[in-house]
Amino acid sequence: MPQWDFLNFIAEQARRYPGFRFEMEAEATDLFEESGRVTGVRAETPRDPLDVRADLVVGADGRHSVVRAKAGLEIVDLGAPMDVLWLRLSRQPTDPGQTLGRVEARRILSCSIAKTIGNAPS
């Protein structure tokens, strides 16, 4: 999924929460840390600098991430030619038990649906 589509998806889901605020054209420039823990981010916007304090800070600022660099996180190059997002979704007994895929120019979607064993969720 292209980054912009993923970020749009996250924003749509987060709008359900009253404390959510979405800032366009904001560039992360620094992090706030307390006791060795990241507690917020400083960003530049077309209007003013913006300081955001949060319990959870997610660096979603791309391959050349300022957030990752400021947090001192190493890049681990796995040599993968594409980005992959793995996730687990709940499955109902009435859901089909098949594998499907879709391949388009520069895009691949693969979905494998596992069967439920006993009462274990899949």
PDB file of N, CA and C in Angstrom:
ATOM      1  N   MET A   1       0.846  -1.169   0.000  1.00  0.00           N
ATOM      2  CA  MET A   1       0.000   0.000   0.000  1.00  0.00           C
ATOM      3  C   MET A   1       0.896   1.237   0.000  1.00  0.00           C
ATOM      4  N   PRO A   2       0.685   2.162  -0.887  1.00  0.00           N
ATOM      5  CA  PRO A   2       1.498   3.379  -0.897  1.00  0.00           C
ATOM      6  C   PRO A   2       1.383   4.133   0.430  1.00  0.00           C
ATOM      7  N   GLN A   3       2.452   4.823   0.804  1.00  0.00           N
ATOM      8  CA  GLN A   3       2.502   5.503   2.096  1.00  0.00           C
ATOM      9  C   GLN A   3       1.325   6.459   2.293  1.00  0.00           C
ATOM     10  N   TRP A   4       1.000   7.246   1.263  1.00  0.00           N
ATOM     11  CA  TRP A   4      -0.090   8.212   1.432  1.00  0.00           C
ATOM     12  C   TRP A   4      -1.409   7.517   1.703  1.00  0.00           C
ATOM     13  N   ASP A   5      -1.666   6.402   1.036  1.00  0.00           N
ATOM     14  CA  ASP A   5      -2.901   5.657   1.286  1.00  0.00           C
ATOM     15  C   ASP A   5      -2.929   5.132   2.712  1.00  0.00           C
ATOM     16  N   PHE A   6      -1.784   4.637   3.204  1.00  0.00           N
ATOM     17  CA  PHE A   6      -1.702   4.122   4.577  1.00  0.00           C
ATOM     18  C   PHE A   6      -1.936   5.252   5.582  1.00  0.00           C
ATOM     19  N   LEU A   7      -1.304   6.398   5.365  1.00  0.00           N
ATOM     20  CA  LEU A   7      -1.489   7.524   6.285  1.00  0.00           C
ATOM     21  C   LEU A   7      -2.932   8.026   6.262  1.00  0.00           C
ATOM     22  N   ASN A   8      -3.555   8.042   5.083  1.00  0.00           N
ATOM     23  CA  ASN A   8      -4.970   8.419   5.003  1.00  0.00           C
ATOM     24  C   ASN A   8      -5.843   7.446   5.777  1.00  0.00           C
ATOM     25  N   PHE A   9      -5.530   6.151   5.683  1.00  0.00           N
ATOM     26  CA  PHE A   9      -6.273   5.129   6.421  1.00  0.00           C
ATOM     27  C   PHE A   9      -6.153   5.359   7.928  1.00  0.00           C
ATOM     28  N   ILE A  10      -4.922   5.590   8.407  1.00  0.00           N
ATOM     29  CA  ILE A  10      -4.707   5.828   9.837  1.00  0.00           C
ATOM     30  C   ILE A  10      -5.483   7.065  10.286  1.00  0.00           C
ATOM     31  N   ALA A  11      -5.412   8.139   9.513  1.00  0.00           N
ATOM     32  CA  ALA A  11      -6.113   9.375   9.869  1.00  0.00           C
ATOM     33  C   ALA A  11      -7.622   9.158   9.933  1.00  0.00           C
ATOM     34  N   GLU A  12      -8.175   8.434   8.966  1.00  0.00           N
ATOM     35  CA  GLU A  12      -9.617   8.170   8.967  1.00  0.00           C
ATOM     36  C   GLU A  12     -10.031   7.418  10.225  1.00  0.00           C
ATOM     37  N   GLN A  13      -9.253   6.416  10.610  1.00  0.00           N
ATOM     38  CA  GLN A  13      -9.577   5.629  11.799  1.00  0.00           C
ATOM     39  C   GLN A  13      -9.426   6.464  13.074  1.00  0.00           C
ATOM     40  N   ALA A  14      -8.381   7.284  13.129  1.00  0.00           N
ATOM     41  CA  ALA A  14      -8.096   8.077  14.334  1.00  0.00           C
ATOM     42  C   ALA A  14      -9.116   9.187  14.550  1.00  0.00           C
ATOM     43  N   ARG A  15      -9.784   9.646  13.506  1.00  0.00           N
ATOM     44  CA  ARG A  15     -10.777  10.719  13.648  1.00  0.00           C
ATOM     45  C   ARG A  15     -11.931  10.316  14.558  1.00  0.00           C
ATOM     46  N   ARG A  16     -12.061   9.043  14.852  1.00  0.00           N
ATOM     47  CA  ARG A  16     -13.110   8.579  15.769  1.00  0.00           C
ATOM     48  C   ARG A  16     -12.831   8.995  17.204  1.00  0.00           C
ATOM     49  N   TYR A  17     -11.593   9.366  17.503  1.00  0.00           N
ATOM     50  CA  TYR A  17     -11.199   9.680  18.868  1.00  0.00           C
ATOM     51  C   TYR A  17     -11.201  11.196  19.076  1.00  0.00           C
ATOM     52  N   PRO A  18     -11.838  11.662  20.154  1.00  0.00           N
ATOM     53  CA  PRO A  18     -11.988  13.102  20.358  1.00  0.00           C
ATOM     54  C   PRO A  18     -10.662  13.851  20.523  1.00  0.00           C
ATOM     55  N   GLY A  19      -9.621  13.210  21.008  1.00  0.00           N
ATOM     56  CA  GLY A  19      -8.344  13.887  21.206  1.00  0.00           C
ATOM     57  C   GLY A  19      -7.453  13.917  19.972  1.00  0.00           C
ATOM     58  N   PHE A  20      -7.915  13.332  18.875  1.00  0.00           N
ATOM     59  CA  PHE A  20      -7.101  13.269  17.667  1.00  0.00           C
ATOM     60  C   PHE A  20      -7.077  14.614  16.950  1.00  0.00           C
ATOM     61  N   ARG A  21      -5.899  14.994  16.493  1.00  0.00           N
ATOM     62  CA  ARG A  21      -5.728  16.235  15.726  1.00  0.00           C
ATOM     63  C   ARG A  21      -4.805  15.920  14.560  1.00  0.00           C
ATOM     64  N   PHE A  22      -5.183  16.339  13.375  1.00  0.00           N
ATOM     65  CA  PHE A  22      -4.423  16.038  12.166  1.00  0.00           C
ATOM     66  C   PHE A  22      -3.801  17.319  11.635  1.00  0.00           C
ATOM     67  N   GLU A  23      -2.493  17.316  11.448  1.00  0.00           N
ATOM     68  CA  GLU A  23      -1.773  18.493  10.945  1.00  0.00           C
ATOM     69  C   GLU A  23      -1.180  18.183   9.578  1.00  0.00           C
ATOM     70  N   MET A  24      -1.573  18.952   8.591  1.00  0.00           N
ATOM     71  CA  MET A  24      -0.983  18.833   7.255  1.00  0.00           C
ATOM     72  C   MET A  24       0.209  19.782   7.169  1.00  0.00           C
ATOM     73  N   GLU A  25       1.143  19.471   6.292  1.00  0.00           N
ATOM     74  CA  GLU A  25       2.304  20.321   6.025  1.00  0.00           C
ATOM     75  C   GLU A  25       3.118  20.588   7.289  1.00  0.00           C
ATOM     76  N   ALA A  26       3.229  19.597   8.151  1.00  0.00           N
ATOM     77  CA  ALA A  26       4.038  19.706   9.361  1.00  0.00           C
ATOM     78  C   ALA A  26       5.243  18.793   9.195  1.00  0.00           C
ATOM     79  N   GLU A  27       6.425  19.335   9.402  1.00  0.00           N
ATOM     80  CA  GLU A  27       7.667  18.566   9.248  1.00  0.00           C
ATOM     81  C   GLU A  27       8.321  18.364  10.607  1.00  0.00           C
ATOM     82  N   ALA A  28       8.467  17.105  11.017  1.00  0.00           N
ATOM     83  CA  ALA A  28       9.111  16.794  12.297  1.00  0.00           C
ATOM     84  C   ALA A  28      10.571  17.254  12.246  1.00  0.00           C
ATOM     85  N   THR A  29      10.987  17.978  13.294  1.00  0.00           N
ATOM     86  CA  THR A  29      12.359  18.481  13.341  1.00  0.00           C
ATOM     87  C   THR A  29      13.126  18.012  14.570  1.00  0.00           C
ATOM     88  N   ASP A  30      12.409  17.617  15.633  1.00  0.00           N
ATOM     89  CA  ASP A  30      13.090  17.194  16.854  1.00  0.00           C
ATOM     90  C   ASP A  30      12.132  16.392  17.717  1.00  0.00           C
ATOM     91  N   LEU A  31      12.695  15.723  18.718  1.00  0.00           N
ATOM     92  CA  LEU A  31      11.893  14.949  19.663  1.00  0.00           C
ATOM     93  C   LEU A  31      12.082  15.496  21.068  1.00  0.00           C
ATOM     94  N   PHE A  32      11.070  15.304  21.910  1.00  0.00           N
ATOM     95  CA  PHE A  32      11.187  15.587  23.338  1.00  0.00           C
ATOM     96  C   PHE A  32      11.429  14.272  24.043  1.00  0.00           C
ATOM     97  N   GLU A  33      12.355  14.261  24.977  1.00  0.00           N
ATOM     98  CA  GLU A  33      12.652  13.054  25.749  1.00  0.00           C
ATOM     99  C   GLU A  33      12.637  13.380  27.231  1.00  0.00           C
ATOM    100  N   GLU A  34      12.138  12.444  28.012  1.00  0.00           N
ATOM    101  CA  GLU A  34      12.165  12.535  29.469  1.00  0.00           C
ATOM    102  C   GLU A  34      12.536  11.172  30.011  1.00  0.00           C
ATOM    103  N   SER A  35      13.570  11.118  30.821  1.00  0.00           N
ATOM    104  CA  SER A  35      14.033   9.865  31.434  1.00  0.00           C
ATOM    105  C   SER A  35      14.294   8.783  30.394  1.00  0.00           C
ATOM    106  N   GLY A  36      14.888   9.171  29.260  1.00  0.00           N
ATOM    107  CA  GLY A  36      15.230   8.211  28.218  1.00  0.00           C
ATOM    108  C   GLY A  36      14.062   7.736  27.381  1.00  0.00           C
ATOM    109  N   ARG A  37      12.925   8.387  27.501  1.00  0.00           N
ATOM    110  CA  ARG A  37      11.712   7.996  26.777  1.00  0.00           C
ATOM    111  C   ARG A  37      11.250   9.156  25.903  1.00  0.00           C
ATOM    112  N   VAL A  38      10.874   8.874  24.658  1.00  0.00           N
ATOM    113  CA  VAL A  38      10.351   9.905  23.762  1.00  0.00           C
ATOM    114  C   VAL A  38       8.943  10.264  24.227  1.00  0.00           C
ATOM    115  N   THR A  39       8.726  11.556  24.459  1.00  0.00           N
ATOM    116  CA  THR A  39       7.436  12.016  24.994  1.00  0.00           C
ATOM    117  C   THR A  39       6.741  13.029  24.091  1.00  0.00           C
ATOM    118  N   GLY A  40       7.332  13.303  22.939  1.00  0.00           N
ATOM    119  CA  GLY A  40       6.690  14.254  22.040  1.00  0.00           C
ATOM    120  C   GLY A  40       7.568  14.589  20.856  1.00  0.00           C
ATOM    121  N   VAL A  41       7.050  15.451  20.014  1.00  0.00           N
ATOM    122  CA  VAL A  41       7.747  15.840  18.792  1.00  0.00           C
ATOM    123  C   VAL A  41       7.591  17.345  18.560  1.00  0.00           C
ATOM    124  N   ARG A  42       8.618  17.934  18.016  1.00  0.00           N
ATOM    125  CA  ARG A  42       8.558  19.335  17.569  1.00  0.00           C
ATOM    126  C   ARG A  42       8.480  19.303  16.052  1.00  0.00           C
ATOM    127  N   ALA A  43       7.631  20.135  15.496  1.00  0.00           N
ATOM    128  CA  ALA A  43       7.460  20.190  14.044  1.00  0.00           C
ATOM    129  C   ALA A  43       7.403  21.642  13.598  1.00  0.00           C
ATOM    130  N   GLU A  44       7.743  21.852  12.350  1.00  0.00           N
ATOM    131  CA  GLU A  44       7.609  23.163  11.713  1.00  0.00           C
ATOM    132  C   GLU A  44       6.403  23.097  10.783  1.00  0.00           C
ATOM    133  N   THR A  45       5.574  24.115  10.842  1.00  0.00           N
ATOM    134  CA  THR A  45       4.422  24.221   9.949  1.00  0.00           C
ATOM    135  C   THR A  45       4.551  25.531   9.180  1.00  0.00           C
ATOM    136  N   PRO A  46       3.761  25.723   8.127  1.00  0.00           N
ATOM    137  CA  PRO A  46       3.822  26.995   7.402  1.00  0.00           C
ATOM    138  C   PRO A  46       3.484  28.202   8.286  1.00  0.00           C
ATOM    139  N   ARG A  47       2.752  27.966   9.372  1.00  0.00           N
ATOM    140  CA  ARG A  47       2.350  29.059  10.251  1.00  0.00           C
ATOM    141  C   ARG A  47       3.347  29.274  11.389  1.00  0.00           C
ATOM    142  N   ASP A  48       3.562  28.269  12.219  1.00  0.00           N
ATOM    143  CA  ASP A  48       4.382  28.391  13.428  1.00  0.00           C
ATOM    144  C   ASP A  48       5.009  27.048  13.762  1.00  0.00           C
ATOM    145  N   PRO A  49       6.022  27.056  14.655  1.00  0.00           N
ATOM    146  CA  PRO A  49       6.496  25.772  15.181  1.00  0.00           C
ATOM    147  C   PRO A  49       5.368  25.128  15.993  1.00  0.00           C
ATOM    148  N   LEU A  50       5.383  23.823  16.062  1.00  0.00           N
ATOM    149  CA  LEU A  50       4.333  23.077  16.754  1.00  0.00           C
ATOM    150  C   LEU A  50       4.992  22.070  17.679  1.00  0.00           C
ATOM    151  N   ASP A  51       4.642  22.074  18.957  1.00  0.00           N
ATOM    152  CA  ASP A  51       5.117  21.090  19.925  1.00  0.00           C
ATOM    153  C   ASP A  51       3.954  20.196  20.306  1.00  0.00           C
ATOM    154  N   VAL A  52       4.148  18.893  20.185  1.00  0.00           N
ATOM    155  CA  VAL A  52       3.104  17.922  20.511  1.00  0.00           C
ATOM    156  C   VAL A  52       3.664  16.948  21.537  1.00  0.00           C
ATOM    157  N   ARG A  53       3.009  16.831  22.679  1.00  0.00           N
ATOM    158  CA  ARG A  53       3.379  15.857  23.713  1.00  0.00           C
ATOM    159  C   ARG A  53       2.397  14.688  23.604  1.00  0.00           C
ATOM    160  N   ALA A  54       2.917  13.466  23.771  1.00  0.00           N
ATOM    161  CA  ALA A  54       2.049  12.296  23.614  1.00  0.00           C
ATOM    162  C   ALA A  54       2.588  11.109  24.395  1.00  0.00           C
ATOM    163  N   ASP A  55       1.691  10.203  24.783  1.00  0.00           N
ATOM    164  CA  ASP A  55       2.097   8.955  25.426  1.00  0.00           C
ATOM    165  C   ASP A  55       2.750   8.020  24.412  1.00  0.00           C
ATOM    166  N   LEU A  56       2.327   8.121  23.161  1.00  0.00           N
ATOM    167  CA  LEU A  56       2.863   7.286  22.096  1.00  0.00           C
ATOM    168  C   LEU A  56       3.256   8.172  20.924  1.00  0.00           C
ATOM    169  N   VAL A  57       4.501   8.053  20.486  1.00  0.00           N
ATOM    170  CA  VAL A  57       4.976   8.803  19.327  1.00  0.00           C
ATOM    171  C   VAL A  57       5.332   7.789  18.251  1.00  0.00           C
ATOM    172  N   VAL A  58       4.715   7.918  17.084  1.00  0.00           N
ATOM    173  CA  VAL A  58       4.953   7.010  15.969  1.00  0.00           C
ATOM    174  C   VAL A  58       5.691   7.772  14.877  1.00  0.00           C
ATOM    175  N   GLY A  59       6.845   7.264  14.467  1.00  0.00           N
ATOM    176  CA  GLY A  59       7.588   7.878  13.375  1.00  0.00           C
ATOM    177  C   GLY A  59       7.083   7.329  12.055  1.00  0.00           C
ATOM    178  N   ALA A  60       6.299   8.111  11.342  1.00  0.00           N
ATOM    179  CA  ALA A  60       5.775   7.699  10.042  1.00  0.00           C
ATOM    180  C   ALA A  60       6.192   8.734   9.002  1.00  0.00           C
ATOM    181  N   ASP A  61       7.444   9.159   9.119  1.00  0.00           N
ATOM    182  CA  ASP A  61       7.902  10.241   8.243  1.00  0.00           C
ATOM    183  C   ASP A  61       8.840   9.751   7.144  1.00  0.00           C
ATOM    184  N   GLY A  62       8.678   8.517   6.747  1.00  0.00           N
ATOM    185  CA  GLY A  62       9.336   8.036   5.535  1.00  0.00           C
ATOM    186  C   GLY A  62      10.703   7.408   5.720  1.00  0.00           C
ATOM    187  N   ARG A  63      11.298   7.060   4.584  1.00  0.00           N
ATOM    188  CA  ARG A  63      12.570   6.337   4.555  1.00  0.00           C
ATOM    189  C   ARG A  63      13.725   7.128   5.159  1.00  0.00           C
ATOM    190  N   HIS A  64      13.685   8.431   5.042  1.00  0.00           N
ATOM    191  CA  HIS A  64      14.757   9.275   5.579  1.00  0.00           C
ATOM    192  C   HIS A  64      14.238   9.969   6.835  1.00  0.00           C
ATOM    193  N   SER A  65      13.716   9.170   7.751  1.00  0.00           N
ATOM    194  CA  SER A  65      12.991   9.628   8.921  1.00  0.00           C
ATOM    195  C   SER A  65      13.835  10.459   9.887  1.00  0.00           C
ATOM    196  N   VAL A  66      13.391  11.679  10.126  1.00  0.00           N
ATOM    197  CA  VAL A  66      13.995  12.530  11.152  1.00  0.00           C
ATOM    198  C   VAL A  66      13.699  11.940  12.529  1.00  0.00           C
ATOM    199  N   VAL A  67      12.487  11.430  12.716  1.00  0.00           N
ATOM    200  CA  VAL A  67      12.102  10.843  14.003  1.00  0.00           C
ATOM    201  C   VAL A  67      13.015   9.668  14.337  1.00  0.00           C
ATOM    202  N   ARG A  68      13.242   8.783  13.388  1.00  0.00           N
ATOM    203  CA  ARG A  68      14.114   7.629  13.616  1.00  0.00           C
ATOM    204  C   ARG A  68      15.528   8.089  13.948  1.00  0.00           C
ATOM    205  N   ALA A  69      16.054   9.038  13.192  1.00  0.00           N
ATOM    206  CA  ALA A  69      17.413   9.524  13.429  1.00  0.00           C
ATOM    207  C   ALA A  69      17.534  10.187  14.796  1.00  0.00           C
ATOM    208  N   LYS A  70      16.584  11.055  15.157  1.00  0.00           N
ATOM    209  CA  LYS A  70      16.620  11.749  16.447  1.00  0.00           C
ATOM    210  C   LYS A  70      16.474  10.774  17.617  1.00  0.00           C
ATOM    211  N   ALA A  71      15.736   9.677  17.394  1.00  0.00           N
ATOM    212  CA  ALA A  71      15.563   8.675  18.449  1.00  0.00           C
ATOM    213  C   ALA A  71      16.766   7.748  18.546  1.00  0.00           C
ATOM    214  N   GLY A  72      17.704   7.870  17.587  1.00  0.00           N
ATOM    215  CA  GLY A  72      18.899   7.023  17.606  1.00  0.00           C
ATOM    216  C   GLY A  72      18.628   5.583  17.214  1.00  0.00           C
ATOM    217  N   LEU A  73      17.588   5.371  16.429  1.00  0.00           N
ATOM    218  CA  LEU A  73      17.246   4.016  15.989  1.00  0.00           C
ATOM    219  C   LEU A  73      18.022   3.678  14.730  1.00  0.00           C
ATOM    220  N   GLU A  74      18.603   2.491  14.708  1.00  0.00           N
ATOM    221  CA  GLU A  74      19.382   2.043  13.550  1.00  0.00           C
ATOM    222  C   GLU A  74      18.476   1.578  12.422  1.00  0.00           C
ATOM    223  N   ILE A  75      18.936   1.793  11.211  1.00  0.00           N
ATOM    224  CA  ILE A  75      18.254   1.236  10.049  1.00  0.00           C
ATOM    225  C   ILE A  75      18.778  -0.177   9.860  1.00  0.00           C
ATOM    226  N   VAL A  76      17.884  -1.125   9.745  1.00  0.00           N
ATOM    227  CA  VAL A  76      18.261  -2.506   9.479  1.00  0.00           C
ATOM    228  C   VAL A  76      17.878  -2.801   8.033  1.00  0.00           C
ATOM    229  N   ASP A  77      18.875  -2.937   7.181  1.00  0.00           N
ATOM    230  CA  ASP A  77      18.623  -3.208   5.769  1.00  0.00           C
ATOM    231  C   ASP A  77      18.502  -4.708   5.578  1.00  0.00           C
ATOM    232  N   LEU A  78      17.295  -5.158   5.288  1.00  0.00           N
ATOM    233  CA  LEU A  78      17.044  -6.582   5.090  1.00  0.00           C
ATOM    234  C   LEU A  78      17.176  -6.987   3.629  1.00  0.00           C
ATOM    235  N   GLY A  79      17.461  -6.009   2.781  1.00  0.00           N
ATOM    236  CA  GLY A  79      17.611  -6.309   1.365  1.00  0.00           C
ATOM    237  C   GLY A  79      16.296  -6.608   0.664  1.00  0.00           C
ATOM    238  N   ALA A  80      15.191  -6.276   1.313  1.00  0.00           N
ATOM    239  CA  ALA A  80      13.882  -6.539   0.717  1.00  0.00           C
ATOM    240  C   ALA A  80      13.593  -5.516  -0.376  1.00  0.00           C
ATOM    241  N   PRO A  81      13.102  -5.961  -1.528  1.00  0.00           N
ATOM    242  CA  PRO A  81      12.822  -5.031  -2.622  1.00  0.00           C
ATOM    243  C   PRO A  81      11.517  -4.259  -2.447  1.00  0.00           C
ATOM    244  N   MET A  82      10.758  -4.559  -1.384  1.00  0.00           N
ATOM    245  CA  MET A  82       9.487  -3.869  -1.172  1.00  0.00           C
ATOM    246  C   MET A  82       9.180  -3.824   0.315  1.00  0.00           C
ATOM    247  N   ASP A  83       8.280  -2.944   0.689  1.00  0.00           N
ATOM    248  CA  ASP A  83       7.813  -2.855   2.063  1.00  0.00           C
ATOM    249  C   ASP A  83       6.667  -3.835   2.243  1.00  0.00           C
ATOM    250  N   VAL A  84       6.577  -4.414   3.439  1.00  0.00           N
ATOM    251  CA  VAL A  84       5.527  -5.381   3.733  1.00  0.00           C
ATOM    252  C   VAL A  84       4.886  -5.013   5.065  1.00  0.00           C
ATOM    253  N   LEU A  85       3.591  -5.068   5.120  1.00  0.00           N
ATOM    254  CA  LEU A  85       2.851  -4.861   6.352  1.00  0.00           C
ATOM    255  C   LEU A  85       2.139  -6.167   6.676  1.00  0.00           C
ATOM    256  N   TRP A  86       2.477  -6.769   7.828  1.00  0.00           N
ATOM    257  CA  TRP A  86       1.847  -8.008   8.260  1.00  0.00           C
ATOM    258  C   TRP A  86       0.821  -7.659   9.323  1.00  0.00           C
ATOM    259  N   LEU A  87      -0.334  -8.302   9.282  1.00  0.00           N
ATOM    260  CA  LEU A  87      -1.304  -8.093  10.326  1.00  0.00           C
ATOM    261  C   LEU A  87      -2.189  -9.313  10.441  1.00  0.00           C
ATOM    262  N   ARG A  88      -2.863  -9.402  11.567  1.00  0.00           N
ATOM    263  CA  ARG A  88      -3.771 -10.516  11.815  1.00  0.00           C
ATOM    264  C   ARG A  88      -5.170  -9.950  11.997  1.00  0.00           C
ATOM    265  N   LEU A  89      -6.121 -10.518  11.277  1.00  0.00           N
ATOM    266  CA  LEU A  89      -7.516 -10.119  11.389  1.00  0.00           C
ATOM    267  C   LEU A  89      -8.317 -11.272  11.962  1.00  0.00           C
ATOM    268  N   SER A  90      -9.356 -10.947  12.698  1.00  0.00           N
ATOM    269  CA  SER A  90     -10.205 -12.014  13.217  1.00  0.00           C
ATOM    270  C   SER A  90     -10.926 -12.688  12.053  1.00  0.00           C
ATOM    271  N   ARG A  91     -11.291 -13.940  12.261  1.00  0.00           N
ATOM    272  CA  ARG A  91     -11.950 -14.710  11.213  1.00  0.00           C
ATOM    273  C   ARG A  91     -13.206 -15.333  11.777  1.00  0.00           C
ATOM    274  N   GLN A  92     -14.284 -15.239  11.026  1.00  0.00           N
ATOM    275  CA  GLN A  92     -15.548 -15.840  11.421  1.00  0.00           C
ATOM    276  C   GLN A  92     -15.670 -17.219  10.766  1.00  0.00           C
ATOM    277  N   PRO A  93     -16.372 -18.139  11.389  1.00  0.00           N
ATOM    278  CA  PRO A  93     -16.546 -19.470  10.786  1.00  0.00           C
ATOM    279  C   PRO A  93     -17.172 -19.424   9.395  1.00  0.00           C
ATOM    280  N   THR A  94     -17.920 -18.377   9.092  1.00  0.00           N
ATOM    281  CA  THR A  94     -18.577 -18.270   7.781  1.00  0.00           C
ATOM    282  C   THR A  94     -17.677 -17.650   6.715  1.00  0.00           C
ATOM    283  N   ASP A  95     -16.489 -17.167   7.099  1.00  0.00           N
ATOM    284  CA  ASP A  95     -15.566 -16.580   6.125  1.00  0.00           C
ATOM    285  C   ASP A  95     -15.007 -17.661   5.212  1.00  0.00           C
ATOM    286  N   PRO A  96     -14.752 -17.324   3.936  1.00  0.00           N
ATOM    287  CA  PRO A  96     -14.188 -18.324   3.017  1.00  0.00           C
ATOM    288  C   PRO A  96     -12.775 -18.720   3.441  1.00  0.00           C
ATOM    289  N   GLY A  97     -12.405 -19.959   3.186  1.00  0.00           N
ATOM    290  CA  GLY A  97     -11.090 -20.462   3.557  1.00  0.00           C
ATOM    291  C   GLY A  97     -10.169 -20.560   2.356  1.00  0.00           C
ATOM    292  N   GLN A  98      -9.909 -19.474   1.697  1.00  0.00           N
ATOM    293  CA  GLN A  98      -9.106 -19.509   0.481  1.00  0.00           C
ATOM    294  C   GLN A  98      -7.975 -18.485   0.547  1.00  0.00           C
ATOM    295  N   THR A  99      -7.035 -18.653  -0.340  1.00  0.00           N
ATOM    296  CA  THR A  99      -5.945 -17.698  -0.510  1.00  0.00           C
ATOM    297  C   THR A  99      -6.229 -16.896  -1.759  1.00  0.00           C
ATOM    298  N   LEU A 100      -5.978 -15.604  -1.691  1.00  0.00           N
ATOM    299  CA  LEU A 100      -6.200 -14.793  -2.880  1.00  0.00           C
ATOM    300  C   LEU A 100      -5.033 -13.839  -3.058  1.00  0.00           C
ATOM    301  N   GLY A 101      -4.928 -13.322  -4.241  1.00  0.00           N
ATOM    302  CA  GLY A 101      -3.871 -12.366  -4.532  1.00  0.00           C
ATOM    303  C   GLY A 101      -4.255 -11.478  -5.685  1.00  0.00           C
ATOM    304  N   ARG A 102      -3.562 -10.380  -5.772  1.00  0.00           N
ATOM    305  CA  ARG A 102      -3.786  -9.451  -6.883  1.00  0.00           C
ATOM    306  C   ARG A 102      -2.437  -8.833  -7.223  1.00  0.00           C
ATOM    307  N   VAL A 103      -2.108  -8.817  -8.498  1.00  0.00           N
ATOM    308  CA  VAL A 103      -0.841  -8.254  -8.949  1.00  0.00           C
ATOM    309  C   VAL A 103      -1.131  -7.194  -9.992  1.00  0.00           C
ATOM    310  N   GLU A 104      -0.628  -5.998  -9.748  1.00  0.00           N
ATOM    311  CA  GLU A 104      -0.720  -4.897 -10.698  1.00  0.00           C
ATOM    312  C   GLU A 104       0.687  -4.344 -10.874  1.00  0.00           C
ATOM    313  N   ALA A 105       0.857  -3.421 -11.776  1.00  0.00           N
ATOM    314  CA  ALA A 105       2.166  -2.806 -11.987  1.00  0.00           C
ATOM    315  C   ALA A 105       2.667  -2.206 -10.677  1.00  0.00           C
ATOM    316  N   ARG A 106       3.775  -2.717 -10.170  1.00  0.00           N
ATOM    317  CA  ARG A 106       4.450  -2.232  -8.962  1.00  0.00           C
ATOM    318  C   ARG A 106       3.650  -2.425  -7.682  1.00  0.00           C
ATOM    319  N   ARG A 107       2.589  -3.256  -7.713  1.00  0.00           N
ATOM    320  CA  ARG A 107       1.778  -3.489  -6.516  1.00  0.00           C
ATOM    321  C   ARG A 107       1.397  -4.961  -6.441  1.00  0.00           C
ATOM    322  N   ILE A 108       1.491  -5.504  -5.245  1.00  0.00           N
ATOM    323  CA  ILE A 108       1.118  -6.895  -5.029  1.00  0.00           C
ATOM    324  C   ILE A 108       0.323  -6.972  -3.730  1.00  0.00           C
ATOM    325  N   LEU A 109      -0.772  -7.709  -3.746  1.00  0.00           N
ATOM    326  CA  LEU A 109      -1.540  -7.984  -2.541  1.00  0.00           C
ATOM    327  C   LEU A 109      -1.680  -9.491  -2.441  1.00  0.00           C
ATOM    328  N   SER A 110      -1.324 -10.033  -1.301  1.00  0.00           N
ATOM    329  CA  SER A 110      -1.477 -11.461  -1.075  1.00  0.00           C
ATOM    330  C   SER A 110      -2.173 -11.646   0.258  1.00  0.00           C
ATOM    331  N   CYS A 111      -3.177 -12.492   0.283  1.00  0.00           N
ATOM    332  CA  CYS A 111      -3.945 -12.715   1.500  1.00  0.00           C
ATOM    333  C   CYS A 111      -4.120 -14.211   1.685  1.00  0.00           C
ATOM    334  N   SER A 112      -3.688 -14.714   2.811  1.00  0.00           N
ATOM    335  CA  SER A 112      -3.854 -16.120   3.130  1.00  0.00           C
ATOM    336  C   SER A 112      -4.778 -16.215   4.324  1.00  0.00           C
ATOM    337  N   ILE A 113      -5.828 -16.974   4.194  1.00  0.00           N
ATOM    338  CA  ILE A 113      -6.808 -17.099   5.265  1.00  0.00           C
ATOM    339  C   ILE A 113      -6.651 -18.484   5.888  1.00  0.00           C
ATOM    340  N   ALA A 114      -6.267 -18.487   7.160  1.00  0.00           N
ATOM    341  CA  ALA A 114      -6.049 -19.753   7.865  1.00  0.00           C
ATOM    342  C   ALA A 114      -7.353 -20.232   8.488  1.00  0.00           C
ATOM    343  N   LYS A 115      -7.469 -21.519   8.617  1.00  0.00           N
ATOM    344  CA  LYS A 115      -8.656 -22.092   9.253  1.00  0.00           C
ATOM    345  C   LYS A 115      -8.481 -22.054  10.764  1.00  0.00           C
ATOM    346  N   THR A 116      -9.598 -21.951  11.474  1.00  0.00           N
ATOM    347  CA  THR A 116      -9.585 -21.935  12.927  1.00  0.00           C
ATOM    348  C   THR A 116      -9.424 -23.361  13.437  1.00  0.00           C
ATOM    349  N   ILE A 117      -8.545 -23.513  14.433  1.00  0.00           N
ATOM    350  CA  ILE A 117      -8.342 -24.818  15.062  1.00  0.00           C
ATOM    351  C   ILE A 117      -8.931 -24.727  16.457  1.00  0.00           C
ATOM    352  N   GLY A 118      -9.925 -25.521  16.745  1.00  0.00           N
ATOM    353  CA  GLY A 118     -10.579 -25.470  18.063  1.00  0.00           C
ATOM    354  C   GLY A 118     -11.175 -24.092  18.290  1.00  0.00           C
ATOM    355  N   ASN A 119     -10.896 -23.507  19.460  1.00  0.00           N
ATOM    356  CA  ASN A 119     -11.399 -22.190  19.791  1.00  0.00           C
ATOM    357  C   ASN A 119     -10.355 -21.104  19.570  1.00  0.00           C
ATOM    358  N   ALA A 120      -9.189 -21.462  19.006  1.00  0.00           N
ATOM    359  CA  ALA A 120      -8.134 -20.484  18.806  1.00  0.00           C
ATOM    360  C   ALA A 120      -8.502 -19.541  17.683  1.00  0.00           C
ATOM    361  N   PRO A 121      -8.346 -18.216  17.912  1.00  0.00           N
ATOM    362  CA  PRO A 121      -8.632 -17.271  16.839  1.00  0.00           C
ATOM    363  C   PRO A 121      -7.588 -17.363  15.744  1.00  0.00           C
ATOM    364  N   SER A 122      -7.976 -17.049  14.508  1.00  0.00           N
ATOM    365  CA  SER A 122      -7.000 -17.054  13.411  1.00  0.00           C
ATOM    366  C   SER A 122      -6.860 -15.688  12.835  1.00  0.00           C
TER     367      SER A 122
END
